[in-house]
Amino acid sequence: MSDLDITVLDATATVHRESLRHRGWPVELFVHTAASIRHFVSQDLAERKPTMARLVARGVPLLPGDGGAAVRHYCGEVLEAGPAPLPAETLAGARYALSDLLDDMQGAAPGPEGTAVAVETWRRTAELVLDVNGCWRGGGKWLMRELISLDTETGTSWVPRLDAGLAAALAGDTTLLRVTAEECLSLAGGRLWEGFHQAASIDESR
């Protein structure tokens, strides 16, 4: 049974989330003020995941009144605008990480390590495909839902290839997953390993 996600907008509330059952139905309550919704939308934007914005903008008002029209409009605009362009440094880091995983995959023997590398390659490839196409990311099932939406809009086949590629890799054949990841990297500028440089961010005040 799928749970019900209910956002409660209350200017006097203590912001929190709560899991409960109502008449046997699992319910996730997200209790917010307008300010807290904007705060969490801002946090989500940094991760390129529109979790809060989607929850509010696409929810159905259950009580009389304007249903939080102003904040719902704000969240709708965020969804419509999409994520900000990926910074060059972040894109380089993503290319490097996936390139490194592909090298690991070539040398990984079947077993726990090979499984871990395959799963991470699958995830990183899916995220990078979404990034280079200017799409939202997602976590868990929403990662695939975002990718399904991209496939539907563009006529691509990332989802079935990644799904089949991961299944084959877990069974010992990494060919399809590697080919799919390489195709993704070609869209992002190709493999990146030698010459990659990333400055460390250190808080020297501590």
Protein backbone atom coordinates (compact mmCIF):
# COMPACT_ATOMS: atom_id res chain seq x y z
CA MET A 1 0.00 0.00 0.00
CA SER A 2 1.42 3.37 -1.04
CA ASP A 3 1.48 6.06 1.60
CA LEU A 4 -0.26 9.42 1.43
CA ASP A 5 2.00 12.48 1.41
CA ILE A 6 0.18 15.40 3.03
CA THR A 7 1.67 18.87 3.41
CA VAL A 8 0.20 20.97 6.23
CA LEU A 9 0.72 24.72 5.86
CA ASP A 10 0.38 26.44 9.25
CA ALA A 11 1.98 29.79 10.04
CA THR A 12 2.07 28.93 13.75
CA ALA A 13 3.36 25.37 13.42
CA THR A 14 6.57 23.83 14.60
CA VAL A 15 8.08 22.52 11.39
CA HIS A 16 8.33 18.72 11.39
CA ARG A 17 7.47 15.52 9.58
CA GLU A 18 5.55 12.63 11.06
CA SER A 19 4.63 9.11 9.95
CA LEU A 20 1.31 7.68 11.14
CA ARG A 21 -1.67 5.57 10.15
CA HIS A 22 -5.15 6.91 9.56
CA ARG A 23 -7.90 4.29 9.26
CA GLY A 24 -5.22 1.77 8.37
CA TRP A 25 -3.68 3.98 5.67
CA PRO A 26 0.01 4.98 6.00
CA VAL A 27 0.36 8.76 6.01
CA GLU A 28 3.44 11.00 5.82
CA LEU A 29 2.70 14.44 7.25
CA PHE A 30 4.97 17.35 6.31
CA VAL A 31 4.11 20.30 8.55
CA HIS A 32 5.47 23.64 7.32
CA THR A 33 5.23 27.38 7.28
CA ALA A 34 5.54 29.30 4.02
CA ALA A 35 9.07 30.32 5.04
CA SER A 36 10.15 26.76 5.80
CA ILE A 37 8.86 25.57 2.42
CA ARG A 38 10.98 28.19 0.68
CA HIS A 39 13.95 27.16 2.83
CA PHE A 40 13.72 23.49 1.89
CA VAL A 41 13.06 24.28 -1.76
CA SER A 42 16.32 26.24 -1.73
CA GLN A 43 18.16 23.29 -0.18
CA ASP A 44 16.69 20.93 -2.78
CA LEU A 45 17.78 23.22 -5.61
CA ALA A 46 21.40 22.84 -4.51
CA GLU A 47 21.00 19.06 -5.00
CA ARG A 48 19.01 19.48 -8.24
CA LYS A 49 16.13 17.53 -6.69
CA PRO A 50 12.70 19.29 -6.61
CA THR A 51 11.26 17.18 -3.80
CA MET A 52 9.61 19.94 -1.78
CA ALA A 53 8.60 22.03 -4.78
CA ARG A 54 6.87 19.07 -6.40
CA LEU A 55 5.15 18.03 -3.16
CA VAL A 56 3.62 21.49 -2.75
CA ALA A 57 2.99 22.54 -6.35
CA ARG A 58 1.31 19.31 -7.42
CA GLY A 59 -0.62 18.65 -4.24
CA VAL A 60 -4.41 18.89 -4.18
CA PRO A 61 -5.81 21.36 -1.60
CA LEU A 62 -7.97 19.49 0.90
CA LEU A 63 -9.44 22.36 2.91
CA PRO A 64 -11.44 25.49 2.01
CA GLY A 65 -9.48 28.65 1.32
CA ASP A 66 -6.73 29.52 -1.13
CA GLY A 67 -4.76 26.36 -0.33
CA GLY A 68 -1.54 28.31 0.17
CA ALA A 69 -1.82 29.74 -3.34
CA ALA A 70 1.22 32.03 -3.08
CA VAL A 71 3.66 29.37 -1.97
CA ARG A 72 2.15 26.83 -4.37
CA HIS A 73 2.66 29.32 -7.21
CA TYR A 74 6.27 29.83 -6.13
CA CYS A 75 6.90 26.06 -6.12
CA GLY A 76 5.24 25.73 -9.52
CA GLU A 77 7.56 28.36 -10.96
CA VAL A 78 10.58 26.52 -9.54
CA LEU A 79 9.46 23.27 -11.18
CA GLU A 80 8.78 24.98 -14.48
CA ALA A 81 12.16 26.74 -14.55
CA GLY A 82 14.07 23.51 -14.00
CA PRO A 83 17.51 23.19 -12.43
CA ALA A 84 20.22 25.78 -12.97
CA PRO A 85 22.92 24.96 -15.55
CA LEU A 86 25.49 22.58 -14.11
CA PRO A 87 28.65 24.49 -13.10
CA ALA A 88 31.71 23.54 -15.16
CA GLU A 89 33.60 22.36 -12.07
CA THR A 90 30.70 20.12 -11.02
CA LEU A 91 30.43 18.66 -14.52
CA ALA A 92 34.16 17.94 -14.55
CA GLY A 93 33.85 16.18 -11.19
CA ALA A 94 30.98 14.04 -12.48
CA ARG A 95 32.93 13.09 -15.62
CA TYR A 96 35.96 12.20 -13.53
CA ALA A 97 33.96 10.06 -11.10
CA LEU A 98 32.26 8.08 -13.87
CA SER A 99 35.52 7.66 -15.80
CA ASP A 100 37.18 6.32 -12.66
CA LEU A 101 34.31 3.88 -12.10
CA LEU A 102 34.63 2.54 -15.65
CA ASP A 103 38.32 1.87 -15.02
CA ASP A 104 37.40 0.11 -11.77
CA MET A 105 34.78 -1.95 -13.57
CA GLN A 106 37.33 -3.29 -16.05
CA GLY A 107 39.48 -4.60 -13.21
CA ALA A 108 36.74 -5.69 -10.81
CA ALA A 109 36.22 -9.40 -10.31
CA PRO A 110 32.67 -10.76 -9.95
CA GLY A 111 31.52 -10.55 -6.36
CA PRO A 112 30.76 -7.85 -3.78
CA GLU A 113 33.23 -5.30 -5.15
CA GLY A 114 32.03 -5.77 -8.73
CA THR A 115 28.44 -5.38 -7.55
CA ALA A 116 29.25 -2.12 -5.74
CA VAL A 117 31.05 -0.69 -8.79
CA ALA A 118 28.22 -1.68 -11.15
CA VAL A 119 25.51 -0.14 -8.97
CA GLU A 120 27.46 3.10 -8.53
CA THR A 121 28.17 3.26 -12.28
CA TRP A 122 24.44 2.82 -12.96
CA ARG A 123 23.54 5.63 -10.56
CA ARG A 124 26.24 8.03 -11.72
CA THR A 125 25.34 7.45 -15.36
CA ALA A 126 21.65 8.12 -14.72
CA GLU A 127 22.44 11.34 -12.85
CA LEU A 128 24.84 12.60 -15.49
CA VAL A 129 22.36 11.91 -18.29
CA LEU A 130 19.82 14.06 -16.45
CA ASP A 131 22.41 16.77 -15.74
CA VAL A 132 23.56 17.18 -19.34
CA ASN A 133 19.95 17.30 -20.52
CA GLY A 134 19.04 20.04 -18.05
CA CYS A 135 16.65 17.79 -16.12
CA TRP A 136 15.91 17.43 -12.44
CA ARG A 137 17.60 14.63 -10.54
CA GLY A 138 15.83 12.35 -8.10
CA GLY A 139 16.56 9.85 -5.39
CA GLY A 140 15.52 6.19 -5.41
CA LYS A 141 12.47 5.62 -7.61
CA TRP A 142 12.42 9.30 -8.55
CA LEU A 143 15.79 8.96 -10.28
CA MET A 144 14.19 6.52 -12.69
CA ARG A 145 10.98 8.55 -12.95
CA GLU A 146 12.96 11.59 -14.06
CA LEU A 147 14.85 9.46 -16.58
CA ILE A 148 11.61 7.89 -17.85
CA SER A 149 10.24 11.39 -18.39
CA LEU A 150 13.36 12.32 -20.39
CA ASP A 151 13.06 9.17 -22.52
CA THR A 152 9.40 9.92 -23.16
CA GLU A 153 10.09 13.51 -24.21
CA THR A 154 13.16 12.84 -26.37
CA GLY A 155 12.61 9.33 -27.69
CA THR A 156 15.79 8.04 -26.04
CA SER A 157 16.15 4.68 -24.33
CA TRP A 158 18.33 5.35 -21.29
CA VAL A 159 16.04 3.57 -18.83
CA PRO A 160 15.81 0.17 -20.53
CA ARG A 161 19.51 0.19 -21.41
CA LEU A 162 20.60 1.10 -17.90
CA ASP A 163 18.21 -1.43 -16.39
CA ALA A 164 19.37 -4.23 -18.68
CA GLY A 165 22.99 -3.14 -18.32
CA LEU A 166 22.90 -3.30 -14.54
CA ALA A 167 21.17 -6.69 -14.56
CA ALA A 168 23.80 -8.07 -16.95
CA ALA A 169 26.67 -6.55 -14.95
CA LEU A 170 25.41 -8.15 -11.75
CA ALA A 171 25.38 -11.46 -13.63
CA GLY A 172 28.98 -10.94 -14.71
CA ASP A 173 28.75 -9.19 -18.12
CA THR A 174 29.53 -5.47 -17.86
CA THR A 175 29.55 -4.74 -21.61
CA LEU A 176 26.15 -3.02 -21.96
CA LEU A 177 26.56 -0.94 -18.80
CA ARG A 178 30.02 0.20 -19.90
CA VAL A 179 28.79 1.10 -23.40
CA THR A 180 25.86 3.07 -21.98
CA ALA A 181 28.09 4.94 -19.52
CA GLU A 182 30.56 5.76 -22.32
CA GLU A 183 27.71 7.15 -24.44
CA CYS A 184 26.64 9.31 -21.51
CA LEU A 185 30.19 10.58 -21.07
CA SER A 186 30.39 11.48 -24.76
CA LEU A 187 27.44 13.83 -24.25
CA ALA A 188 29.22 15.47 -21.33
CA GLY A 189 32.55 15.98 -23.07
CA GLY A 190 34.06 12.52 -22.87
CA ARG A 191 36.12 10.70 -20.31
CA LEU A 192 38.12 12.78 -17.87
CA TRP A 193 40.88 11.44 -15.66
CA GLU A 194 44.40 12.59 -16.55
CA GLY A 195 44.79 16.29 -15.82
CA PHE A 196 41.74 16.49 -13.58
CA HIS A 197 42.29 19.01 -10.80
CA GLN A 198 39.95 19.93 -7.98
CA ALA A 199 40.84 22.42 -5.26
CA ALA A 200 40.06 21.41 -1.69
CA SER A 201 37.76 23.57 0.41
CA ILE A 202 39.14 23.83 3.94
CA ASP A 203 37.76 25.89 6.81
CA GLU A 204 41.00 27.18 8.35
CA SER A 205 39.14 28.96 11.14
CA ARG A 206 38.72 25.68 13.02
